[in-house]
Amino acid sequence: MTSPQHTYRRLLREINRQFTSVNGNRAWATQMRQQWVAASQNPASSNMHAAQNILAFLTSNRKHSELINEFYPRMPEGDRIEKTARRVGLEAPKTYNPESPS
């Protein structure tokens, strides 16, 4: 089991990566600090367990977003469909264009 200080630092890092550095809003970090101070005055294992669950969720959410951006970068819908089809060994059908019926 990790120490409370280690969990606290990891939570702050994760919050700063996902929220503070993106928009410069320190509200999430401030709220987490206030909750941490309030929880530290009433030590209970459920508080530590909840903090570790939140940390796991934030970390997994960030990794999921990174994977989505890596495998499905921002591109037009048609290109994304063709790329996905090629990835699994298929070829996407040509879409009908009424302006050029060939």
Protein backbone atom coordinates (compact mmCIF):
# COMPACT_ATOMS: atom_id res chain seq x y z
CA MET A 1 0.00 0.00 0.00
CA THR A 2 1.32 3.43 -0.88
CA SER A 3 1.80 6.20 1.62
CA PRO A 4 -0.78 8.99 1.87
CA GLN A 5 1.82 11.58 0.83
CA HIS A 6 2.71 9.59 -2.28
CA THR A 7 -0.96 9.30 -3.25
CA TYR A 8 -1.49 13.01 -2.58
CA ARG A 9 1.45 14.02 -4.80
CA ARG A 10 0.33 11.69 -7.60
CA LEU A 11 -3.21 13.10 -7.40
CA LEU A 12 -1.89 16.66 -7.64
CA ARG A 13 0.29 15.75 -10.62
CA GLU A 14 -2.57 14.06 -12.42
CA ILE A 15 -4.95 16.96 -11.76
CA ASN A 16 -2.34 19.43 -12.99
CA ARG A 17 -1.78 17.40 -16.18
CA GLN A 18 -5.43 17.06 -17.04
CA PHE A 19 -7.05 20.23 -15.76
CA THR A 20 -4.70 22.96 -14.58
CA SER A 21 -2.18 22.90 -17.43
CA VAL A 22 -4.95 22.75 -20.04
CA ASN A 23 -6.88 25.85 -19.04
CA GLY A 24 -4.92 27.43 -16.19
CA ASN A 25 -7.80 26.94 -13.77
CA ARG A 26 -6.53 25.95 -10.31
CA ALA A 27 -10.04 25.16 -8.97
CA TRP A 28 -9.60 21.37 -9.22
CA ALA A 29 -6.27 21.41 -7.39
CA THR A 30 -7.63 23.78 -4.73
CA GLN A 31 -10.72 21.63 -4.19
CA MET A 32 -8.60 18.49 -3.91
CA ARG A 33 -6.30 20.14 -1.36
CA GLN A 34 -9.29 21.21 0.75
CA GLN A 35 -10.76 17.70 0.63
CA TRP A 36 -7.39 16.19 1.51
CA VAL A 37 -6.94 18.47 4.55
CA ALA A 38 -10.48 17.70 5.75
CA ALA A 39 -9.91 13.96 5.29
CA SER A 40 -6.54 14.05 7.06
CA GLN A 41 -8.22 15.40 10.20
CA ASN A 42 -10.45 12.33 10.24
CA PRO A 43 -8.12 9.47 9.24
CA ALA A 44 -9.96 6.48 7.87
CA SER A 45 -8.91 3.78 5.47
CA SER A 46 -11.97 4.47 3.31
CA ASN A 47 -10.63 7.98 2.58
CA MET A 48 -7.33 6.55 1.41
CA HIS A 49 -9.11 3.91 -0.64
CA ALA A 50 -11.31 6.57 -2.26
CA ALA A 51 -8.24 8.68 -3.08
CA GLN A 52 -6.53 5.70 -4.72
CA ASN A 53 -9.68 4.97 -6.72
CA ILE A 54 -9.83 8.58 -7.93
CA LEU A 55 -6.16 8.44 -8.86
CA ALA A 56 -6.68 5.20 -10.79
CA PHE A 57 -9.65 6.72 -12.63
CA LEU A 58 -7.78 9.91 -13.56
CA THR A 59 -4.70 7.99 -14.72
CA SER A 60 -6.76 5.52 -16.77
CA ASN A 61 -8.80 8.33 -18.29
CA ARG A 62 -5.64 10.17 -19.38
CA LYS A 63 -4.09 7.01 -20.86
CA HIS A 64 -7.32 6.23 -22.70
CA SER A 65 -7.35 9.73 -24.23
CA GLU A 66 -3.71 9.36 -25.28
CA LEU A 67 -4.46 6.03 -26.99
CA ILE A 68 -7.50 7.44 -28.77
CA ASN A 69 -5.45 10.38 -30.06
CA GLU A 70 -2.65 8.06 -31.16
CA PHE A 71 -4.79 5.57 -33.06
CA TYR A 72 -7.58 7.91 -34.19
CA PRO A 73 -6.02 11.32 -34.76
CA ARG A 74 -8.22 14.21 -35.81
CA MET A 75 -9.05 13.55 -39.45
CA PRO A 76 -12.10 13.70 -41.72
CA GLU A 77 -14.73 11.03 -41.12
CA GLY A 78 -14.15 9.31 -44.47
CA ASP A 79 -10.41 9.02 -43.93
CA ARG A 80 -10.94 7.65 -40.42
CA ILE A 81 -13.34 4.97 -41.70
CA GLU A 82 -10.94 3.93 -44.47
CA LYS A 83 -8.00 3.78 -42.08
CA THR A 84 -9.98 1.69 -39.59
CA ALA A 85 -11.09 -0.71 -42.31
CA ARG A 86 -7.51 -1.13 -43.55
CA ARG A 87 -6.31 -1.79 -40.01
CA VAL A 88 -8.50 -4.89 -39.78
CA GLY A 89 -7.74 -6.07 -43.31
CA LEU A 90 -10.80 -4.78 -45.13
CA GLU A 91 -11.35 -2.21 -47.80
CA ALA A 92 -14.04 0.39 -47.31
CA PRO A 93 -16.56 0.65 -50.15
CA LYS A 94 -16.49 3.73 -52.31
CA THR A 95 -19.14 6.24 -51.33
CA TYR A 96 -21.66 7.43 -53.89
CA ASN A 97 -21.12 10.93 -55.16
CA PRO A 98 -24.04 12.22 -57.29
CA GLU A 99 -21.83 14.87 -58.93
CA SER A 100 -19.49 12.30 -60.46
CA PRO A 101 -21.44 9.06 -61.12
CA SER A 102 -18.41 7.14 -62.42
